[in-house]
Amino acid sequence: MTSMEFIRASALVICFTLMVAAAAPAAASDIEAFYGEFEGETVTDYNGVLRKRDLRVKISPHPDGFTVDWTSVTRKSDGKLKRKAYSINFLPTRRKNIYRSGERTDMFGNAVPLDPLTGEPFVWARLHEDTLTVFALHVLEDGGYEMQTYARTRIPEGLALVYSRVRDGENLRTVEAALLEVN
């Protein structure tokens, strides 16, 4: 093999390696950019009354995927606090950057999603570019639906959150907040 043939062969090997690497699924490290604890606050309008809401989210590794823990504390006008907290494990699917929830264990010990037809939410997550979005689909008593979306975009200071709640196509609420990294 001449030196020119060797250079051409090496160039082909390098090009092939780069093409395979580009076509390969995203590495687990992509989600790692979201690992950490973040907190912030926002003011929301509840039927003409402004309420302060404290937000906190922790995204951490899980043996087979990752876990998202989030808490929302709303201060009502009478001084009372309304606290909601959630923790969901997400596991990879066969589809690139789409994760299923593992919220309960089936009779074989497998983590599986909840059943939306029994009133429980169906939850999944998607990693797209610099945004991790958690979707929660609720099937209502009358057969309609409600979709809650938590889009968390990585920014230098932490996360930019856009939460939306849509019922049967009608936007009920949108909340935006910046969550600063606390670790």
N, C-alpha and C. Protein backbone atom coordinates (compact mmCIF):
# COMPACT_ATOMS: atom_id res chain seq x y z
N MET A 1 0.86 -1.17 0.00
CA MET A 1 0.00 0.00 0.00
C MET A 1 0.91 1.23 0.00
N THR A 2 0.63 2.13 -0.91
CA THR A 2 1.42 3.36 -0.97
C THR A 2 0.96 4.30 0.13
N SER A 3 1.76 5.31 0.37
CA SER A 3 1.39 6.27 1.41
C SER A 3 0.11 7.02 1.03
N MET A 4 -0.10 7.28 -0.26
CA MET A 4 -1.32 7.96 -0.70
C MET A 4 -2.54 7.07 -0.47
N GLU A 5 -2.42 5.77 -0.77
CA GLU A 5 -3.53 4.84 -0.53
C GLU A 5 -3.82 4.73 0.98
N PHE A 6 -2.77 4.73 1.77
CA PHE A 6 -2.93 4.68 3.23
C PHE A 6 -3.68 5.91 3.73
N ILE A 7 -3.33 7.08 3.22
CA ILE A 7 -4.00 8.33 3.62
C ILE A 7 -5.46 8.28 3.23
N ARG A 8 -5.76 7.81 1.98
CA ARG A 8 -7.17 7.71 1.54
C ARG A 8 -7.95 6.72 2.42
N ALA A 9 -7.34 5.58 2.70
CA ALA A 9 -8.01 4.58 3.54
C ALA A 9 -8.24 5.13 4.95
N SER A 10 -7.26 5.82 5.48
CA SER A 10 -7.41 6.43 6.81
C SER A 10 -8.52 7.47 6.80
N ALA A 11 -8.57 8.27 5.75
CA ALA A 11 -9.62 9.29 5.65
C ALA A 11 -11.00 8.64 5.58
N LEU A 12 -11.11 7.52 4.83
CA LEU A 12 -12.40 6.81 4.77
C LEU A 12 -12.80 6.27 6.13
N VAL A 13 -11.83 5.70 6.85
CA VAL A 13 -12.13 5.18 8.19
C VAL A 13 -12.59 6.31 9.11
N ILE A 14 -11.92 7.44 9.08
CA ILE A 14 -12.30 8.59 9.91
C ILE A 14 -13.69 9.07 9.53
N CYS A 15 -13.99 9.22 8.22
CA CYS A 15 -15.33 9.66 7.78
C CYS A 15 -16.40 8.68 8.24
N PHE A 16 -16.14 7.38 8.06
CA PHE A 16 -17.11 6.37 8.48
C PHE A 16 -17.35 6.44 9.99
N THR A 17 -16.26 6.59 10.77
CA THR A 17 -16.39 6.69 12.23
C THR A 17 -17.22 7.91 12.61
N LEU A 18 -16.99 9.04 11.96
CA LEU A 18 -17.76 10.25 12.26
C LEU A 18 -19.23 10.07 11.89
N MET A 19 -19.51 9.40 10.75
CA MET A 19 -20.91 9.18 10.35
C MET A 19 -21.62 8.27 11.34
N VAL A 20 -20.95 7.21 11.79
CA VAL A 20 -21.56 6.30 12.76
C VAL A 20 -21.81 7.02 14.08
N ALA A 21 -20.85 7.83 14.51
CA ALA A 21 -21.01 8.57 15.76
C ALA A 21 -22.17 9.55 15.66
N ALA A 22 -22.34 10.20 14.51
CA ALA A 22 -23.44 11.15 14.34
C ALA A 22 -24.78 10.45 14.32
N ALA A 23 -24.82 9.23 13.79
CA ALA A 23 -26.09 8.50 13.70
C ALA A 23 -26.44 7.76 14.98
N ALA A 24 -25.48 7.62 15.88
CA ALA A 24 -25.71 6.88 17.12
C ALA A 24 -26.67 7.63 18.02
N PRO A 25 -27.44 6.91 18.85
CA PRO A 25 -28.33 7.60 19.79
C PRO A 25 -27.54 8.52 20.71
N ALA A 26 -28.23 9.52 21.23
CA ALA A 26 -27.59 10.46 22.15
C ALA A 26 -27.06 9.71 23.36
N ALA A 27 -25.92 10.10 23.82
CA ALA A 27 -25.33 9.46 24.99
C ALA A 27 -26.13 9.81 26.23
N ALA A 28 -26.01 8.96 27.22
CA ALA A 28 -26.71 9.21 28.48
C ALA A 28 -26.29 10.54 29.09
N SER A 29 -25.11 11.01 28.71
CA SER A 29 -24.62 12.26 29.29
C SER A 29 -25.47 13.46 28.88
N ASP A 30 -26.25 13.37 27.81
CA ASP A 30 -27.09 14.49 27.40
C ASP A 30 -28.04 14.90 28.52
N ILE A 31 -28.65 13.93 29.15
CA ILE A 31 -29.58 14.23 30.24
C ILE A 31 -28.82 14.75 31.45
N GLU A 32 -27.57 14.38 31.56
CA GLU A 32 -26.77 14.80 32.71
C GLU A 32 -26.63 16.32 32.80
N ALA A 33 -26.78 17.01 31.68
CA ALA A 33 -26.72 18.48 31.70
C ALA A 33 -27.83 19.07 32.55
N PHE A 34 -28.88 18.30 32.82
CA PHE A 34 -30.02 18.77 33.60
C PHE A 34 -29.93 18.37 35.07
N TYR A 35 -28.96 17.52 35.42
CA TYR A 35 -28.84 17.08 36.80
C TYR A 35 -28.51 18.26 37.71
N GLY A 36 -29.21 18.33 38.82
CA GLY A 36 -28.96 19.37 39.80
C GLY A 36 -30.24 19.75 40.51
N GLU A 37 -30.11 20.74 41.40
CA GLU A 37 -31.27 21.27 42.13
C GLU A 37 -31.43 22.73 41.75
N PHE A 38 -32.68 23.12 41.50
CA PHE A 38 -32.97 24.45 41.00
C PHE A 38 -34.17 25.01 41.76
N GLU A 39 -34.17 26.31 42.00
CA GLU A 39 -35.33 26.92 42.66
C GLU A 39 -35.54 28.33 42.14
N GLY A 40 -36.78 28.77 42.26
CA GLY A 40 -37.14 30.11 41.83
C GLY A 40 -38.55 30.43 42.28
N GLU A 41 -39.06 31.55 41.80
CA GLU A 41 -40.42 31.94 42.16
C GLU A 41 -41.05 32.65 40.97
N THR A 42 -42.36 32.71 41.01
CA THR A 42 -43.11 33.41 39.98
C THR A 42 -44.38 33.94 40.60
N VAL A 43 -45.01 34.87 39.94
CA VAL A 43 -46.30 35.39 40.37
C VAL A 43 -47.31 35.00 39.31
N THR A 44 -48.41 34.38 39.75
CA THR A 44 -49.44 33.94 38.81
C THR A 44 -50.77 34.61 39.13
N ASP A 45 -51.59 34.70 38.12
CA ASP A 45 -52.90 35.32 38.23
C ASP A 45 -53.95 34.22 38.37
N TYR A 46 -54.62 34.18 39.51
CA TYR A 46 -55.73 33.25 39.75
C TYR A 46 -57.03 34.05 39.76
N ASN A 47 -57.68 34.11 38.62
CA ASN A 47 -58.95 34.85 38.51
C ASN A 47 -58.84 36.27 39.04
N GLY A 48 -57.80 36.98 38.63
CA GLY A 48 -57.64 38.38 39.02
C GLY A 48 -56.89 38.59 40.32
N VAL A 49 -56.55 37.53 41.03
CA VAL A 49 -55.80 37.64 42.28
C VAL A 49 -54.38 37.14 42.02
N LEU A 50 -53.38 37.99 42.30
CA LEU A 50 -51.99 37.60 42.10
C LEU A 50 -51.49 36.79 43.29
N ARG A 51 -50.83 35.66 42.98
CA ARG A 51 -50.29 34.80 44.03
C ARG A 51 -48.84 34.46 43.72
N LYS A 52 -48.04 34.50 44.77
CA LYS A 52 -46.64 34.13 44.63
C LYS A 52 -46.53 32.61 44.72
N ARG A 53 -45.69 32.05 43.87
CA ARG A 53 -45.49 30.61 43.85
C ARG A 53 -43.99 30.32 43.92
N ASP A 54 -43.57 29.53 44.90
CA ASP A 54 -42.18 29.09 45.01
C ASP A 54 -42.05 27.76 44.28
N LEU A 55 -40.99 27.63 43.49
CA LEU A 55 -40.79 26.44 42.68
C LEU A 55 -39.43 25.83 42.99
N ARG A 56 -39.39 24.51 43.01
CA ARG A 56 -38.14 23.79 43.23
C ARG A 56 -38.18 22.51 42.41
N VAL A 57 -37.07 22.20 41.75
CA VAL A 57 -36.96 20.94 40.99
C VAL A 57 -35.58 20.35 41.21
N LYS A 58 -35.57 19.03 41.32
CA LYS A 58 -34.31 18.28 41.41
C LYS A 58 -34.36 17.20 40.34
N ILE A 59 -33.33 17.17 39.50
CA ILE A 59 -33.22 16.15 38.46
C ILE A 59 -31.95 15.37 38.76
N SER A 60 -32.10 14.06 38.94
CA SER A 60 -30.98 13.25 39.39
C SER A 60 -30.96 11.91 38.67
N PRO A 61 -29.79 11.25 38.68
CA PRO A 61 -29.71 9.93 38.03
C PRO A 61 -30.53 8.90 38.79
N HIS A 62 -31.03 7.93 38.05
CA HIS A 62 -31.77 6.78 38.57
C HIS A 62 -31.08 5.56 37.96
N PRO A 63 -31.10 4.40 38.60
CA PRO A 63 -30.34 3.27 38.06
C PRO A 63 -30.54 3.00 36.56
N ASP A 64 -31.75 3.19 36.05
CA ASP A 64 -32.00 2.92 34.63
C ASP A 64 -32.33 4.17 33.83
N GLY A 65 -32.32 5.33 34.44
CA GLY A 65 -32.71 6.55 33.75
C GLY A 65 -32.44 7.76 34.61
N PHE A 66 -33.49 8.52 34.90
CA PHE A 66 -33.35 9.69 35.76
C PHE A 66 -34.65 9.93 36.51
N THR A 67 -34.56 10.74 37.57
CA THR A 67 -35.72 11.07 38.40
C THR A 67 -35.90 12.58 38.39
N VAL A 68 -37.16 13.01 38.30
CA VAL A 68 -37.50 14.42 38.43
C VAL A 68 -38.39 14.56 39.66
N ASP A 69 -37.92 15.35 40.63
CA ASP A 69 -38.70 15.69 41.82
C ASP A 69 -39.01 17.18 41.71
N TRP A 70 -40.27 17.56 41.86
CA TRP A 70 -40.57 18.99 41.85
C TRP A 70 -41.65 19.34 42.84
N THR A 71 -41.53 20.56 43.35
CA THR A 71 -42.44 21.06 44.37
C THR A 71 -42.88 22.45 43.99
N SER A 72 -44.15 22.73 44.22
CA SER A 72 -44.72 24.05 44.00
C SER A 72 -45.46 24.45 45.28
N VAL A 73 -45.12 25.63 45.81
CA VAL A 73 -45.79 26.14 47.01
C VAL A 73 -46.40 27.48 46.64
N THR A 74 -47.73 27.56 46.75
CA THR A 74 -48.45 28.78 46.43
C THR A 74 -48.90 29.46 47.71
N ARG A 75 -48.66 30.76 47.78
CA ARG A 75 -49.11 31.55 48.93
C ARG A 75 -50.45 32.18 48.58
N LYS A 76 -51.48 31.79 49.32
CA LYS A 76 -52.81 32.34 49.08
C LYS A 76 -52.94 33.69 49.77
N SER A 77 -53.96 34.45 49.37
CA SER A 77 -54.15 35.80 49.92
C SER A 77 -54.43 35.78 51.42
N ASP A 78 -54.96 34.66 51.93
CA ASP A 78 -55.23 34.57 53.38
C ASP A 78 -54.00 34.10 54.17
N GLY A 79 -52.87 33.94 53.47
CA GLY A 79 -51.63 33.55 54.14
C GLY A 79 -51.38 32.05 54.18
N LYS A 80 -52.38 31.26 53.80
CA LYS A 80 -52.21 29.81 53.80
C LYS A 80 -51.32 29.39 52.62
N LEU A 81 -50.64 28.26 52.83
CA LEU A 81 -49.77 27.72 51.79
C LEU A 81 -50.40 26.47 51.19
N LYS A 82 -50.31 26.37 49.87
CA LYS A 82 -50.78 25.18 49.16
C LYS A 82 -49.55 24.54 48.53
N ARG A 83 -49.24 23.32 48.97
CA ARG A 83 -48.01 22.64 48.53
C ARG A 83 -48.37 21.42 47.68
N LYS A 84 -47.70 21.31 46.51
CA LYS A 84 -47.82 20.13 45.66
C LYS A 84 -46.42 19.61 45.39
N ALA A 85 -46.22 18.30 45.56
CA ALA A 85 -44.91 17.71 45.32
C ALA A 85 -45.07 16.43 44.51
N TYR A 86 -44.16 16.21 43.58
CA TYR A 86 -44.20 15.05 42.69
C TYR A 86 -42.80 14.48 42.57
N SER A 87 -42.72 13.18 42.34
CA SER A 87 -41.45 12.51 42.08
C SER A 87 -41.72 11.40 41.07
N ILE A 88 -41.04 11.47 39.93
CA ILE A 88 -41.27 10.49 38.87
C ILE A 88 -39.94 10.01 38.33
N ASN A 89 -39.81 8.70 38.20
CA ASN A 89 -38.66 8.09 37.54
C ASN A 89 -38.96 7.98 36.06
N PHE A 90 -37.97 8.27 35.23
CA PHE A 90 -38.12 8.16 33.78
C PHE A 90 -37.09 7.16 33.26
N LEU A 91 -37.55 6.30 32.37
CA LEU A 91 -36.73 5.23 31.82
C LEU A 91 -36.67 5.37 30.30
N PRO A 92 -35.55 5.04 29.68
CA PRO A 92 -35.44 5.18 28.23
C PRO A 92 -36.41 4.26 27.50
N THR A 93 -36.79 4.67 26.30
CA THR A 93 -37.62 3.84 25.42
C THR A 93 -36.77 3.49 24.20
N ARG A 94 -37.36 2.79 23.28
CA ARG A 94 -36.65 2.46 22.03
C ARG A 94 -36.50 3.68 21.13
N ARG A 95 -37.26 4.72 21.43
CA ARG A 95 -37.21 5.94 20.63
C ARG A 95 -36.23 6.91 21.27
N LYS A 96 -35.36 7.45 20.46
CA LYS A 96 -34.28 8.32 20.93
C LYS A 96 -34.84 9.53 21.69
N ASN A 97 -34.32 9.75 22.89
CA ASN A 97 -34.63 10.92 23.72
C ASN A 97 -36.08 11.00 24.18
N ILE A 98 -36.79 9.89 24.18
CA ILE A 98 -38.15 9.83 24.72
C ILE A 98 -38.11 8.84 25.88
N TYR A 99 -38.65 9.27 27.03
CA TYR A 99 -38.57 8.48 28.25
C TYR A 99 -39.97 8.20 28.78
N ARG A 100 -40.18 6.97 29.21
CA ARG A 100 -41.47 6.60 29.81
C ARG A 100 -41.36 6.74 31.32
N SER A 101 -42.49 6.98 31.92
CA SER A 101 -42.49 7.08 33.38
C SER A 101 -42.57 5.69 33.98
N GLY A 102 -41.96 5.53 35.11
CA GLY A 102 -42.05 4.29 35.87
C GLY A 102 -42.60 4.64 37.23
N GLU A 103 -43.91 4.90 37.28
CA GLU A 103 -44.52 5.42 38.50
C GLU A 103 -45.05 4.35 39.44
N ARG A 104 -45.23 3.16 38.92
CA ARG A 104 -45.70 2.07 39.78
C ARG A 104 -45.04 0.78 39.31
N THR A 105 -45.16 -0.27 40.11
CA THR A 105 -44.55 -1.55 39.79
C THR A 105 -45.64 -2.55 39.44
N ASP A 106 -45.48 -3.25 38.31
CA ASP A 106 -46.47 -4.26 37.93
C ASP A 106 -46.22 -5.57 38.69
N MET A 107 -47.03 -6.60 38.42
CA MET A 107 -46.93 -7.85 39.18
C MET A 107 -45.63 -8.61 38.92
N PHE A 108 -44.87 -8.19 37.90
CA PHE A 108 -43.59 -8.83 37.60
C PHE A 108 -42.40 -8.00 38.11
N GLY A 109 -42.70 -6.89 38.81
CA GLY A 109 -41.65 -6.06 39.36
C GLY A 109 -41.11 -5.00 38.41
N ASN A 110 -41.77 -4.83 37.26
CA ASN A 110 -41.34 -3.83 36.29
C ASN A 110 -41.96 -2.47 36.59
N ALA A 111 -41.18 -1.41 36.42
CA ALA A 111 -41.70 -0.05 36.58
C ALA A 111 -42.52 0.30 35.35
N VAL A 112 -43.78 0.69 35.54
CA VAL A 112 -44.67 1.00 34.42
C VAL A 112 -45.42 2.31 34.68
N PRO A 113 -45.93 2.93 33.60
CA PRO A 113 -46.71 4.16 33.76
C PRO A 113 -48.06 3.88 34.43
N LEU A 114 -48.67 4.95 34.91
CA LEU A 114 -50.02 4.86 35.47
C LEU A 114 -51.02 4.71 34.33
N ASP A 115 -52.26 4.38 34.65
CA ASP A 115 -53.31 4.16 33.65
C ASP A 115 -54.21 5.38 33.55
N PRO A 116 -54.16 6.12 32.43
CA PRO A 116 -54.96 7.35 32.32
C PRO A 116 -56.47 7.09 32.26
N LEU A 117 -56.89 5.89 31.91
CA LEU A 117 -58.33 5.62 31.83
C LEU A 117 -58.95 5.35 33.19
N THR A 118 -58.12 5.27 34.22
CA THR A 118 -58.64 5.12 35.58
C THR A 118 -58.54 6.42 36.37
N GLY A 119 -58.22 7.51 35.67
CA GLY A 119 -58.11 8.81 36.32
C GLY A 119 -56.70 9.20 36.69
N GLU A 120 -55.75 8.31 36.48
CA GLU A 120 -54.35 8.61 36.77
C GLU A 120 -53.72 9.29 35.55
N PRO A 121 -52.69 10.10 35.72
CA PRO A 121 -52.07 10.74 34.57
C PRO A 121 -51.14 9.78 33.83
N PHE A 122 -51.04 9.95 32.52
CA PHE A 122 -50.05 9.25 31.72
C PHE A 122 -48.91 10.25 31.50
N VAL A 123 -47.71 9.90 31.96
CA VAL A 123 -46.60 10.85 31.98
C VAL A 123 -45.43 10.30 31.17
N TRP A 124 -44.81 11.18 30.38
CA TRP A 124 -43.60 10.84 29.66
C TRP A 124 -42.74 12.09 29.55
N ALA A 125 -41.48 11.90 29.13
CA ALA A 125 -40.56 13.02 29.00
C ALA A 125 -39.87 12.95 27.64
N ARG A 126 -39.45 14.12 27.18
CA ARG A 126 -38.72 14.22 25.92
C ARG A 126 -37.55 15.18 26.11
N LEU A 127 -36.40 14.77 25.63
CA LEU A 127 -35.22 15.63 25.61
C LEU A 127 -35.03 16.08 24.17
N HIS A 128 -35.16 17.38 23.93
CA HIS A 128 -35.00 17.93 22.58
C HIS A 128 -34.09 19.14 22.67
N GLU A 129 -32.91 19.01 22.09
CA GLU A 129 -31.89 20.04 22.13
C GLU A 129 -31.59 20.41 23.58
N ASP A 130 -31.85 21.65 24.00
CA ASP A 130 -31.51 22.05 25.37
C ASP A 130 -32.74 22.11 26.27
N THR A 131 -33.83 21.41 25.90
CA THR A 131 -35.07 21.43 26.67
C THR A 131 -35.51 20.02 27.06
N LEU A 132 -35.76 19.84 28.34
CA LEU A 132 -36.33 18.60 28.86
C LEU A 132 -37.79 18.91 29.19
N THR A 133 -38.71 18.23 28.50
CA THR A 133 -40.13 18.48 28.70
C THR A 133 -40.79 17.26 29.30
N VAL A 134 -41.57 17.49 30.36
CA VAL A 134 -42.38 16.43 30.98
C VAL A 134 -43.83 16.72 30.60
N PHE A 135 -44.49 15.71 30.05
CA PHE A 135 -45.89 15.81 29.65
C PHE A 135 -46.73 14.95 30.59
N ALA A 136 -47.89 15.46 31.02
CA ALA A 136 -48.81 14.69 31.85
C ALA A 136 -50.20 14.80 31.23
N LEU A 137 -50.71 13.68 30.72
CA LEU A 137 -52.02 13.62 30.08
C LEU A 137 -53.01 13.04 31.06
N HIS A 138 -54.11 13.77 31.29
CA HIS A 138 -55.19 13.32 32.18
C HIS A 138 -56.44 13.11 31.33
N VAL A 139 -57.07 11.94 31.44
CA VAL A 139 -58.36 11.71 30.79
C VAL A 139 -59.42 12.06 31.82
N LEU A 140 -60.27 13.02 31.49
CA LEU A 140 -61.27 13.54 32.43
C LEU A 140 -62.48 12.60 32.52
N GLU A 141 -63.30 12.81 33.55
CA GLU A 141 -64.50 11.97 33.77
C GLU A 141 -65.41 11.93 32.55
N ASP A 142 -65.51 13.06 31.83
CA ASP A 142 -66.41 13.12 30.68
C ASP A 142 -65.74 12.65 29.38
N GLY A 143 -64.50 12.14 29.49
CA GLY A 143 -63.78 11.65 28.32
C GLY A 143 -62.91 12.70 27.66
N GLY A 144 -63.00 13.94 28.12
CA GLY A 144 -62.12 14.98 27.60
C GLY A 144 -60.72 14.78 28.13
N TYR A 145 -59.87 15.75 27.87
CA TYR A 145 -58.49 15.61 28.32
C TYR A 145 -57.95 16.90 28.91
N GLU A 146 -56.92 16.73 29.71
CA GLU A 146 -56.15 17.86 30.19
C GLU A 146 -54.68 17.48 30.03
N MET A 147 -53.92 18.39 29.45
CA MET A 147 -52.49 18.18 29.24
C MET A 147 -51.71 19.23 30.00
N GLN A 148 -50.80 18.77 30.86
CA GLN A 148 -49.89 19.66 31.56
C GLN A 148 -48.51 19.44 30.97
N THR A 149 -47.82 20.53 30.69
CA THR A 149 -46.50 20.47 30.07
C THR A 149 -45.53 21.30 30.88
N TYR A 150 -44.41 20.69 31.25
CA TYR A 150 -43.35 21.37 32.00
C TYR A 150 -42.10 21.36 31.11
N ALA A 151 -41.85 22.47 30.40
CA ALA A 151 -40.68 22.57 29.54
C ALA A 151 -39.57 23.28 30.31
N ARG A 152 -38.49 22.56 30.56
CA ARG A 152 -37.36 23.11 31.31
C ARG A 152 -36.16 23.21 30.38
N THR A 153 -35.77 24.44 30.07
CA THR A 153 -34.67 24.69 29.16
C THR A 153 -33.43 25.06 29.95
N ARG A 154 -32.32 24.45 29.62
CA ARG A 154 -31.06 24.72 30.33
C ARG A 154 -30.54 26.08 29.91
N ILE A 155 -30.27 26.93 30.88
CA ILE A 155 -29.67 28.24 30.67
C ILE A 155 -28.45 28.32 31.59
N PRO A 156 -27.54 29.28 31.35
CA PRO A 156 -26.32 29.32 32.18
C PRO A 156 -26.59 29.39 33.68
N GLU A 157 -27.64 30.09 34.10
CA GLU A 157 -27.93 30.25 35.53
C GLU A 157 -28.67 29.07 36.12
N GLY A 158 -29.26 28.21 35.28
CA GLY A 158 -30.06 27.10 35.79
C GLY A 158 -31.04 26.61 34.73
N LEU A 159 -32.34 26.81 34.99
CA LEU A 159 -33.39 26.36 34.08
C LEU A 159 -34.41 27.47 33.84
N ALA A 160 -34.87 27.57 32.61
CA ALA A 160 -36.03 28.42 32.30
C ALA A 160 -37.22 27.48 32.19
N LEU A 161 -38.26 27.73 32.97
CA LEU A 161 -39.44 26.87 33.00
C LEU A 161 -40.60 27.56 32.30
N VAL A 162 -41.28 26.80 31.44
CA VAL A 162 -42.56 27.22 30.89
C VAL A 162 -43.53 26.08 31.16
N TYR A 163 -44.51 26.36 32.02
CA TYR A 163 -45.54 25.38 32.37
C TYR A 163 -46.82 25.79 31.67
N SER A 164 -47.53 24.83 31.09
CA SER A 164 -48.83 25.14 30.51
C SER A 164 -49.82 24.04 30.87
N ARG A 165 -51.07 24.46 30.96
CA ARG A 165 -52.17 23.55 31.28
C ARG A 165 -53.28 23.81 30.28
N VAL A 166 -53.61 22.77 29.51
CA VAL A 166 -54.60 22.88 28.44
C VAL A 166 -55.69 21.84 28.68
N ARG A 167 -56.94 22.27 28.61
CA ARG A 167 -58.06 21.35 28.76
C ARG A 167 -58.91 21.41 27.51
N ASP A 168 -59.06 20.26 26.84
CA ASP A 168 -59.85 20.16 25.61
C ASP A 168 -59.52 21.28 24.63
N GLY A 169 -58.22 21.58 24.46
CA GLY A 169 -57.76 22.57 23.50
C GLY A 169 -57.74 24.00 24.01
N GLU A 170 -58.26 24.26 25.19
CA GLU A 170 -58.30 25.62 25.74
C GLU A 170 -57.15 25.80 26.73
N ASN A 171 -56.34 26.84 26.50
CA ASN A 171 -55.22 27.12 27.41
C ASN A 171 -55.77 27.70 28.70
N LEU A 172 -55.60 26.98 29.81
CA LEU A 172 -56.09 27.43 31.11
C LEU A 172 -55.06 28.25 31.87
N ARG A 173 -53.77 27.92 31.69
CA ARG A 173 -52.75 28.62 32.46
C ARG A 173 -51.39 28.42 31.80
N THR A 174 -50.60 29.47 31.85
CA THR A 174 -49.19 29.41 31.45
C THR A 174 -48.40 30.11 32.53
N VAL A 175 -47.35 29.47 32.99
CA VAL A 175 -46.49 30.04 34.03
C VAL A 175 -45.06 29.98 33.51
N GLU A 176 -44.35 31.08 33.64
CA GLU A 176 -42.94 31.13 33.25
C GLU A 176 -42.11 31.54 34.46
N ALA A 177 -40.94 30.92 34.58
CA ALA A 177 -40.06 31.24 35.72
C ALA A 177 -38.63 30.87 35.37
N ALA A 178 -37.71 31.55 36.00
CA ALA A 178 -36.30 31.18 35.93
C ALA A 178 -35.96 30.49 37.25
N LEU A 179 -35.38 29.31 37.15
CA LEU A 179 -34.99 28.54 38.32
C LEU A 179 -33.46 28.52 38.38
N LEU A 180 -32.93 29.05 39.47
CA LEU A 180 -31.48 29.14 39.62
C LEU A 180 -30.92 27.87 40.23
N GLU A 181 -29.75 27.45 39.77
CA GLU A 181 -29.12 26.25 40.30
C GLU A 181 -28.64 26.53 41.72
N VAL A 182 -28.96 25.64 42.65
CA VAL A 182 -28.61 25.87 44.06
C VAL A 182 -27.43 25.02 44.51
N ASN A 183 -26.91 24.15 43.69
CA ASN A 183 -25.73 23.34 44.06
C ASN A 183 -24.50 23.95 43.45
